[in-house]
Amino acid sequence: MYIGLVMCIQLIIVIIQKNKPLHQWHEVVWNVGWANRNGLATYLIFTAGMTMYLSTRYRQGWIFLGLSIFQYACLIMTFSRGGIIFGGISGVIALIFSLIKAPNKKLHLLYIATAVLLVLILYLCLMKEINTMLASLIDRGFGTSNRNKLYKEAWELFKAHPLFGVGKGYKGDITPTSEIGIYWFHSTFFQVIACMGVMGLVAYIYFYVARLKILFKNIKNTFNLFCLAVFVGFEGYSLINT
């Protein structure tokens, strides 16, 4: 939770420093120095969901519910399209789990209703600005952003090097290589099969089986449930961002 709140503060500071009108936000890649919009969105999926978990563990659940909603709002402000979509799905699941696991369900439902009312009031007060922001997000579209070319490239590399892939040191032509020398295929699945082939895929399947076994061994546990909620968001986002 603390990590998520620090990231939100960093994001807000960067937005203020950029001093761009809302309708231009989609043109700016927020960068806090250690991550851009996509990196921030990835972490906020985890931190917002697990802050929601805390709302079921303390009598002052409304505090953590509010801090979680604040982080989801910051996730929207990242303008990371995949992060917003899968973070939203994860957030809805986490909210449902919070109601199921709340010590006082009626009181927790009242908290949620109050939060919805406050969000509605905020929207009515800032209707023009928020509509402008949402319009710019829609105008940005939800296309593949040339990812389909990367996926095709990854598939062709996998077919040419099926056993071990081309290695993590591969440098392609479609997207510039990052500072740490990794060529991003913008999908964990395609990253694995292109760079590590069948052997990498088998290793990842083993990893997922082991992790899911731990997760579902005690799925009725509140912590496990919220881990499931954030995994849904994270793994969904990983389909379109490595």
C-alpha atoms as a PDB file:
ATOM      1  CA  MET A   1       0.000   0.000   0.000  1.00  0.00           C
ATOM      2  CA  TYR A   2       2.761   2.441   0.939  1.00  0.00           C
ATOM      3  CA  ILE A   3       4.598   1.699  -2.309  1.00  0.00           C
ATOM      4  CA  GLY A   4       1.412   2.359  -4.271  1.00  0.00           C
ATOM      5  CA  LEU A   5       0.790   5.677  -2.532  1.00  0.00           C
ATOM      6  CA  VAL A   6       4.374   6.803  -3.189  1.00  0.00           C
ATOM      7  CA  MET A   7       3.937   5.950  -6.875  1.00  0.00           C
ATOM      8  CA  CYS A   8       0.707   7.933  -6.992  1.00  0.00           C
ATOM      9  CA  ILE A   9       2.457  10.955  -5.495  1.00  0.00           C
ATOM     10  CA  GLN A  10       5.268  10.578  -8.045  1.00  0.00           C
ATOM     11  CA  LEU A  11       2.745  10.378 -10.877  1.00  0.00           C
ATOM     12  CA  ILE A  12       0.830  13.453  -9.689  1.00  0.00           C
ATOM     13  CA  ILE A  13       4.067  15.440  -9.353  1.00  0.00           C
ATOM     14  CA  VAL A  14       5.115  14.500 -12.910  1.00  0.00           C
ATOM     15  CA  ILE A  15       1.680  15.466 -14.259  1.00  0.00           C
ATOM     16  CA  ILE A  16       1.876  18.832 -12.506  1.00  0.00           C
ATOM     17  CA  GLN A  17       5.411  19.403 -13.804  1.00  0.00           C
ATOM     18  CA  LYS A  18       4.372  18.629 -17.390  1.00  0.00           C
ATOM     19  CA  ASN A  19       1.596  21.238 -17.101  1.00  0.00           C
ATOM     20  CA  LYS A  20      -0.357  19.801 -20.014  1.00  0.00           C
ATOM     21  CA  PRO A  21      -4.123  20.276 -20.534  1.00  0.00           C
ATOM     22  CA  LEU A  22      -6.241  17.171 -20.063  1.00  0.00           C
ATOM     23  CA  HIS A  23      -6.962  16.734 -23.756  1.00  0.00           C
ATOM     24  CA  GLN A  24      -3.208  16.353 -24.381  1.00  0.00           C
ATOM     25  CA  TRP A  25      -2.535  13.811 -21.659  1.00  0.00           C
ATOM     26  CA  HIS A  26      -2.700  10.915 -24.114  1.00  0.00           C
ATOM     27  CA  GLU A  27       0.209  12.456 -26.022  1.00  0.00           C
ATOM     28  CA  VAL A  28       2.522  12.474 -22.996  1.00  0.00           C
ATOM     29  CA  VAL A  29       4.356   9.406 -21.701  1.00  0.00           C
ATOM     30  CA  TRP A  30       4.514   9.971 -17.955  1.00  0.00           C
ATOM     31  CA  ASN A  31       7.940   8.925 -16.705  1.00  0.00           C
ATOM     32  CA  VAL A  32       8.799   9.042 -13.003  1.00  0.00           C
ATOM     33  CA  GLY A  33      12.444   8.121 -13.602  1.00  0.00           C
ATOM     34  CA  TRP A  34      12.192   4.407 -12.910  1.00  0.00           C
ATOM     35  CA  ALA A  35       9.052   3.596 -14.902  1.00  0.00           C
ATOM     36  CA  ASN A  36       6.752   4.958 -17.595  1.00  0.00           C
ATOM     37  CA  ARG A  37       2.946   4.804 -17.729  1.00  0.00           C
ATOM     38  CA  ASN A  38       2.878   1.042 -18.396  1.00  0.00           C
ATOM     39  CA  GLY A  39       5.271   0.229 -15.576  1.00  0.00           C
ATOM     40  CA  LEU A  40       3.283   2.336 -13.125  1.00  0.00           C
ATOM     41  CA  ALA A  41       0.018   0.716 -14.206  1.00  0.00           C
ATOM     42  CA  THR A  42       1.499  -2.751 -13.732  1.00  0.00           C
ATOM     43  CA  TYR A  43       2.503  -2.045 -10.129  1.00  0.00           C
ATOM     44  CA  LEU A  44      -0.718  -0.193  -9.294  1.00  0.00           C
ATOM     45  CA  ILE A  45      -2.745  -3.261 -10.273  1.00  0.00           C
ATOM     46  CA  PHE A  46      -0.989  -5.026  -7.382  1.00  0.00           C
ATOM     47  CA  THR A  47      -0.865  -2.233  -4.827  1.00  0.00           C
ATOM     48  CA  ALA A  48      -4.444  -1.048  -5.328  1.00  0.00           C
ATOM     49  CA  GLY A  49      -5.773  -4.597  -5.091  1.00  0.00           C
ATOM     50  CA  MET A  50      -3.825  -5.426  -1.963  1.00  0.00           C
ATOM     51  CA  THR A  51      -4.833  -2.133  -0.344  1.00  0.00           C
ATOM     52  CA  MET A  52      -8.397  -3.284  -0.964  1.00  0.00           C
ATOM     53  CA  TYR A  53      -7.440  -6.467   0.906  1.00  0.00           C
ATOM     54  CA  LEU A  54      -6.530  -4.363   3.952  1.00  0.00           C
ATOM     55  CA  SER A  55     -10.071  -2.961   3.992  1.00  0.00           C
ATOM     56  CA  THR A  56     -11.227  -6.417   5.136  1.00  0.00           C
ATOM     57  CA  ARG A  57      -8.612  -6.747   7.897  1.00  0.00           C
ATOM     58  CA  TYR A  58      -9.165  -3.617   9.977  1.00  0.00           C
ATOM     59  CA  ARG A  59     -12.116  -1.985  11.688  1.00  0.00           C
ATOM     60  CA  GLN A  60     -11.257   1.250   9.859  1.00  0.00           C
ATOM     61  CA  GLY A  61     -11.900  -0.468   6.536  1.00  0.00           C
ATOM     62  CA  TRP A  62     -13.198   2.705   4.928  1.00  0.00           C
ATOM     63  CA  ILE A  63      -9.709   4.240   5.100  1.00  0.00           C
ATOM     64  CA  PHE A  64      -8.151   1.440   3.070  1.00  0.00           C
ATOM     65  CA  LEU A  65     -11.103   1.284   0.704  1.00  0.00           C
ATOM     66  CA  GLY A  66     -10.620   4.976  -0.044  1.00  0.00           C
ATOM     67  CA  LEU A  67      -6.848   4.602  -0.497  1.00  0.00           C
ATOM     68  CA  SER A  68      -7.449   1.699  -2.863  1.00  0.00           C
ATOM     69  CA  ILE A  69      -9.921   3.685  -4.978  1.00  0.00           C
ATOM     70  CA  PHE A  70      -7.409   6.554  -5.039  1.00  0.00           C
ATOM     71  CA  GLN A  71      -4.784   4.202  -6.489  1.00  0.00           C
ATOM     72  CA  TYR A  72      -7.215   2.898  -9.113  1.00  0.00           C
ATOM     73  CA  ALA A  73      -7.920   6.527 -10.046  1.00  0.00           C
ATOM     74  CA  CYS A  74      -4.173   7.102 -10.454  1.00  0.00           C
ATOM     75  CA  LEU A  75      -4.020   3.982 -12.608  1.00  0.00           C
ATOM     76  CA  ILE A  76      -6.539   5.639 -14.949  1.00  0.00           C
ATOM     77  CA  MET A  77      -4.397   8.789 -14.927  1.00  0.00           C
ATOM     78  CA  THR A  78      -1.428   6.786 -16.250  1.00  0.00           C
ATOM     79  CA  PHE A  79      -3.345   6.544 -19.556  1.00  0.00           C
ATOM     80  CA  SER A  80      -2.004   3.018 -19.954  1.00  0.00           C
ATOM     81  CA  ARG A  81      -4.803   1.488 -22.015  1.00  0.00           C
ATOM     82  CA  GLY A  82      -4.060  -2.134 -21.143  1.00  0.00           C
ATOM     83  CA  GLY A  83      -3.511  -1.197 -17.517  1.00  0.00           C
ATOM     84  CA  ILE A  84      -6.876   0.547 -17.363  1.00  0.00           C
ATOM     85  CA  ILE A  85      -8.743  -2.364 -18.966  1.00  0.00           C
ATOM     86  CA  PHE A  86      -7.215  -5.193 -16.925  1.00  0.00           C
ATOM     87  CA  GLY A  87      -6.768  -3.053 -13.814  1.00  0.00           C
ATOM     88  CA  GLY A  88     -10.479  -2.279 -14.015  1.00  0.00           C
ATOM     89  CA  ILE A  89     -11.356  -5.966 -14.275  1.00  0.00           C
ATOM     90  CA  SER A  90      -9.044  -6.756 -11.363  1.00  0.00           C
ATOM     91  CA  GLY A  91     -10.510  -3.868  -9.362  1.00  0.00           C
ATOM     92  CA  VAL A  92     -14.094  -5.076  -9.779  1.00  0.00           C
ATOM     93  CA  ILE A  93     -13.077  -8.593  -8.657  1.00  0.00           C
ATOM     94  CA  ALA A  94     -11.188  -7.170  -5.660  1.00  0.00           C
ATOM     95  CA  LEU A  95     -14.193  -5.025  -4.718  1.00  0.00           C
ATOM     96  CA  ILE A  96     -16.487  -8.070  -4.814  1.00  0.00           C
ATOM     97  CA  PHE A  97     -14.029 -10.055  -2.679  1.00  0.00           C
ATOM     98  CA  SER A  98     -13.820  -7.156  -0.204  1.00  0.00           C
ATOM     99  CA  LEU A  99     -17.583  -7.281   0.274  1.00  0.00           C
ATOM    100  CA  ILE A 100     -17.561 -11.072   0.653  1.00  0.00           C
ATOM    101  CA  LYS A 101     -14.758 -11.022   3.226  1.00  0.00           C
ATOM    102  CA  ALA A 102     -15.690  -7.852   5.113  1.00  0.00           C
ATOM    103  CA  PRO A 103     -16.160  -8.396   8.885  1.00  0.00           C
ATOM    104  CA  ASN A 104     -19.315  -6.264   8.744  1.00  0.00           C
ATOM    105  CA  LYS A 105     -20.851  -6.633   5.276  1.00  0.00           C
ATOM    106  CA  LYS A 106     -23.612  -4.059   5.797  1.00  0.00           C
ATOM    107  CA  LEU A 107     -21.142  -1.457   7.010  1.00  0.00           C
ATOM    108  CA  HIS A 108     -18.718  -2.287   4.167  1.00  0.00           C
ATOM    109  CA  LEU A 109     -21.527  -1.939   1.644  1.00  0.00           C
ATOM    110  CA  LEU A 110     -22.261   1.473   3.157  1.00  0.00           C
ATOM    111  CA  TYR A 111     -18.576   2.388   2.679  1.00  0.00           C
ATOM    112  CA  ILE A 112     -18.751   1.356  -0.981  1.00  0.00           C
ATOM    113  CA  ALA A 113     -21.987   3.287  -1.534  1.00  0.00           C
ATOM    114  CA  THR A 114     -20.415   6.367   0.101  1.00  0.00           C
ATOM    115  CA  ALA A 115     -17.333   6.036  -2.116  1.00  0.00           C
ATOM    116  CA  VAL A 116     -19.540   5.783  -5.214  1.00  0.00           C
ATOM    117  CA  LEU A 117     -21.457   8.875  -4.102  1.00  0.00           C
ATOM    118  CA  LEU A 118     -18.224  10.832  -3.546  1.00  0.00           C
ATOM    119  CA  VAL A 119     -16.915   9.784  -6.964  1.00  0.00           C
ATOM    120  CA  LEU A 120     -20.199  10.918  -8.507  1.00  0.00           C
ATOM    121  CA  ILE A 121     -19.997  14.293  -6.729  1.00  0.00           C
ATOM    122  CA  LEU A 122     -16.387  14.691  -7.867  1.00  0.00           C
ATOM    123  CA  TYR A 123     -17.433  13.883 -11.425  1.00  0.00           C
ATOM    124  CA  LEU A 124     -20.253  16.437 -11.340  1.00  0.00           C
ATOM    125  CA  CYS A 125     -17.874  19.086  -9.997  1.00  0.00           C
ATOM    126  CA  LEU A 126     -15.224  18.359 -12.620  1.00  0.00           C
ATOM    127  CA  MET A 127     -17.470  17.071 -15.381  1.00  0.00           C
ATOM    128  CA  LYS A 128     -15.906  19.085 -18.195  1.00  0.00           C
ATOM    129  CA  GLU A 129     -12.318  18.212 -17.242  1.00  0.00           C
ATOM    130  CA  ILE A 130     -13.043  14.508 -16.683  1.00  0.00           C
ATOM    131  CA  ASN A 131     -15.026  14.218 -19.932  1.00  0.00           C
ATOM    132  CA  THR A 132     -12.131  15.847 -21.759  1.00  0.00           C
ATOM    133  CA  MET A 133      -9.701  13.354 -20.255  1.00  0.00           C
ATOM    134  CA  LEU A 134     -11.907  10.369 -21.122  1.00  0.00           C
ATOM    135  CA  ALA A 135     -12.462  11.700 -24.642  1.00  0.00           C
ATOM    136  CA  SER A 136      -8.718  11.985 -25.201  1.00  0.00           C
ATOM    137  CA  LEU A 137      -8.298   8.409 -23.972  1.00  0.00           C
ATOM    138  CA  ILE A 138     -10.981   7.164 -26.382  1.00  0.00           C
ATOM    139  CA  ASP A 139      -9.450   9.184 -29.221  1.00  0.00           C
ATOM    140  CA  ARG A 140      -6.166   7.432 -28.517  1.00  0.00           C
ATOM    141  CA  GLY A 141      -7.988   4.257 -29.379  1.00  0.00           C
ATOM    142  CA  PHE A 142      -7.533   0.668 -28.304  1.00  0.00           C
ATOM    143  CA  GLY A 143      -5.679  -0.613 -31.327  1.00  0.00           C
ATOM    144  CA  THR A 144      -2.693  -2.936 -31.325  1.00  0.00           C
ATOM    145  CA  SER A 145      -0.128  -0.092 -31.648  1.00  0.00           C
ATOM    146  CA  ASN A 146       1.825  -2.272 -34.102  1.00  0.00           C
ATOM    147  CA  ARG A 147       1.973  -5.097 -31.557  1.00  0.00           C
ATOM    148  CA  ASN A 148       0.569  -7.446 -34.192  1.00  0.00           C
ATOM    149  CA  LYS A 149       3.821  -6.969 -36.154  1.00  0.00           C
ATOM    150  CA  LEU A 150       5.838  -7.873 -33.072  1.00  0.00           C
ATOM    151  CA  TYR A 151       3.689 -10.933 -32.427  1.00  0.00           C
ATOM    152  CA  LYS A 152       4.167 -12.063 -36.009  1.00  0.00           C
ATOM    153  CA  GLU A 153       7.918 -11.515 -35.696  1.00  0.00           C
ATOM    154  CA  ALA A 154       7.987 -13.540 -32.460  1.00  0.00           C
ATOM    155  CA  TRP A 155       6.053 -16.386 -34.063  1.00  0.00           C
ATOM    156  CA  GLU A 156       8.392 -16.511 -37.049  1.00  0.00           C
ATOM    157  CA  LEU A 157      11.420 -16.539 -34.731  1.00  0.00           C
ATOM    158  CA  PHE A 158       9.865 -19.349 -32.723  1.00  0.00           C
ATOM    159  CA  LYS A 159       9.286 -21.407 -35.856  1.00  0.00           C
ATOM    160  CA  ALA A 160      12.894 -20.827 -36.939  1.00  0.00           C
ATOM    161  CA  HIS A 161      14.345 -21.562 -33.474  1.00  0.00           C
ATOM    162  CA  PRO A 162      11.751 -23.772 -31.731  1.00  0.00           C
ATOM    163  CA  LEU A 163      13.884 -25.435 -29.064  1.00  0.00           C
ATOM    164  CA  PHE A 164      15.725 -22.586 -27.309  1.00  0.00           C
ATOM    165  CA  GLY A 165      14.495 -19.478 -29.155  1.00  0.00           C
ATOM    166  CA  VAL A 166      16.797 -16.670 -30.240  1.00  0.00           C
ATOM    167  CA  GLY A 167      17.975 -15.796 -26.729  1.00  0.00           C
ATOM    168  CA  LYS A 168      17.354 -12.768 -24.540  1.00  0.00           C
ATOM    169  CA  GLY A 169      20.105 -10.864 -26.319  1.00  0.00           C
ATOM    170  CA  TYR A 170      18.122 -10.728 -29.568  1.00  0.00           C
ATOM    171  CA  LYS A 171      17.880  -7.255 -31.099  1.00  0.00           C
ATOM    172  CA  GLY A 172      15.166  -6.848 -33.716  1.00  0.00           C
ATOM    173  CA  ASP A 173      14.188  -4.151 -36.171  1.00  0.00           C
ATOM    174  CA  ILE A 174      10.630  -3.124 -35.270  1.00  0.00           C
ATOM    175  CA  THR A 175      11.052  -1.524 -31.838  1.00  0.00           C
ATOM    176  CA  PRO A 176      14.153   0.140 -30.380  1.00  0.00           C
ATOM    177  CA  THR A 177      16.043  -1.897 -27.817  1.00  0.00           C
ATOM    178  CA  SER A 178      15.690  -0.585 -24.271  1.00  0.00           C
ATOM    179  CA  GLU A 179      18.539   0.700 -22.114  1.00  0.00           C
ATOM    180  CA  ILE A 180      19.019  -2.713 -20.514  1.00  0.00           C
ATOM    181  CA  GLY A 181      19.283  -4.414 -23.862  1.00  0.00           C
ATOM    182  CA  ILE A 182      16.010  -6.343 -24.002  1.00  0.00           C
ATOM    183  CA  TYR A 183      13.936  -6.405 -27.178  1.00  0.00           C
ATOM    184  CA  TRP A 184      10.313  -6.207 -26.077  1.00  0.00           C
ATOM    185  CA  PHE A 185       7.660  -8.231 -27.923  1.00  0.00           C
ATOM    186  CA  HIS A 186       4.945  -6.621 -25.764  1.00  0.00           C
ATOM    187  CA  SER A 187       3.477  -9.938 -24.691  1.00  0.00           C
ATOM    188  CA  THR A 188       4.932 -12.277 -22.088  1.00  0.00           C
ATOM    189  CA  PHE A 189       3.783 -15.318 -24.071  1.00  0.00           C
ATOM    190  CA  PHE A 190       5.427 -14.184 -27.301  1.00  0.00           C
ATOM    191  CA  GLN A 191       8.494 -12.986 -25.368  1.00  0.00           C
ATOM    192  CA  VAL A 192       8.954 -16.475 -23.933  1.00  0.00           C
ATOM    193  CA  ILE A 193       8.465 -18.483 -27.116  1.00  0.00           C
ATOM    194  CA  ALA A 194      10.617 -16.120 -29.221  1.00  0.00           C
ATOM    195  CA  CYS A 195      13.512 -15.744 -26.785  1.00  0.00           C
ATOM    196  CA  MET A 196      13.462 -19.117 -25.027  1.00  0.00           C
ATOM    197  CA  GLY A 197      11.513 -21.484 -27.282  1.00  0.00           C
ATOM    198  CA  VAL A 198       9.902 -24.703 -26.100  1.00  0.00           C
ATOM    199  CA  MET A 199      12.321 -25.019 -23.181  1.00  0.00           C
ATOM    200  CA  GLY A 200      11.357 -21.581 -21.908  1.00  0.00           C
ATOM    201  CA  LEU A 201       7.667 -22.334 -22.361  1.00  0.00           C
ATOM    202  CA  VAL A 202       7.985 -25.564 -20.375  1.00  0.00           C
ATOM    203  CA  ALA A 203       9.836 -23.692 -17.606  1.00  0.00           C
ATOM    204  CA  TYR A 204       7.141 -21.017 -17.473  1.00  0.00           C
ATOM    205  CA  ILE A 205       4.348 -23.609 -17.409  1.00  0.00           C
ATOM    206  CA  TYR A 206       6.087 -25.284 -14.458  1.00  0.00           C
ATOM    207  CA  PHE A 207       6.342 -21.905 -12.729  1.00  0.00           C
ATOM    208  CA  TYR A 208       2.637 -21.158 -13.278  1.00  0.00           C
ATOM    209  CA  VAL A 209       1.538 -24.602 -12.130  1.00  0.00           C
ATOM    210  CA  ALA A 210       3.607 -24.238  -8.937  1.00  0.00           C
ATOM    211  CA  ARG A 211       2.263 -20.752  -8.253  1.00  0.00           C
ATOM    212  CA  LEU A 212      -1.362 -21.640  -8.930  1.00  0.00           C
ATOM    213  CA  LYS A 213      -1.014 -24.740  -6.761  1.00  0.00           C
ATOM    214  CA  ILE A 214       0.049 -22.523  -3.853  1.00  0.00           C
ATOM    215  CA  LEU A 215      -2.727 -20.047  -4.628  1.00  0.00           C
ATOM    216  CA  PHE A 216      -5.599 -22.532  -4.830  1.00  0.00           C
ATOM    217  CA  LYS A 217      -4.384 -24.785  -2.012  1.00  0.00           C
ATOM    218  CA  ASN A 218      -6.034 -22.363   0.398  1.00  0.00           C
ATOM    219  CA  ILE A 219      -8.200 -20.260  -1.924  1.00  0.00           C
ATOM    220  CA  LYS A 220     -10.761 -19.526   0.793  1.00  0.00           C
ATOM    221  CA  ASN A 221      -8.107 -17.568   2.642  1.00  0.00           C
ATOM    222  CA  THR A 222      -8.719 -13.831   2.247  1.00  0.00           C
ATOM    223  CA  PHE A 223      -5.124 -13.069   1.224  1.00  0.00           C
ATOM    224  CA  ASN A 224      -5.207 -15.765  -1.462  1.00  0.00           C
ATOM    225  CA  LEU A 225      -8.460 -14.413  -2.859  1.00  0.00           C
ATOM    226  CA  PHE A 226      -7.001 -10.952  -3.322  1.00  0.00           C
ATOM    227  CA  CYS A 227      -3.851 -12.441  -4.839  1.00  0.00           C
ATOM    228  CA  LEU A 228      -6.166 -14.100  -7.349  1.00  0.00           C
ATOM    229  CA  ALA A 229      -7.803 -10.742  -8.100  1.00  0.00           C
ATOM    230  CA  VAL A 230      -4.488  -9.017  -8.815  1.00  0.00           C
ATOM    231  CA  PHE A 231      -3.170 -12.003 -10.783  1.00  0.00           C
ATOM    232  CA  VAL A 232      -6.172 -11.746 -13.114  1.00  0.00           C
ATOM    233  CA  GLY A 233      -5.272  -8.121 -13.820  1.00  0.00           C
ATOM    234  CA  PHE A 234      -1.534  -8.721 -14.045  1.00  0.00           C
ATOM    235  CA  GLU A 235      -1.685 -11.813 -16.257  1.00  0.00           C
ATOM    236  CA  GLY A 236      -4.305 -10.218 -18.500  1.00  0.00           C
ATOM    237  CA  TYR A 237      -2.124  -7.144 -18.929  1.00  0.00           C
ATOM    238  CA  SER A 238       0.903  -9.388 -19.531  1.00  0.00           C
ATOM    239  CA  LEU A 239      -0.796 -10.675 -22.679  1.00  0.00           C
ATOM    240  CA  ILE A 240      -0.224  -7.285 -24.307  1.00  0.00           C
ATOM    241  CA  ASN A 241       2.778  -5.998 -22.334  1.00  0.00           C
ATOM    242  CA  THR A 242       5.802  -8.051 -21.347  1.00  0.00           C
END
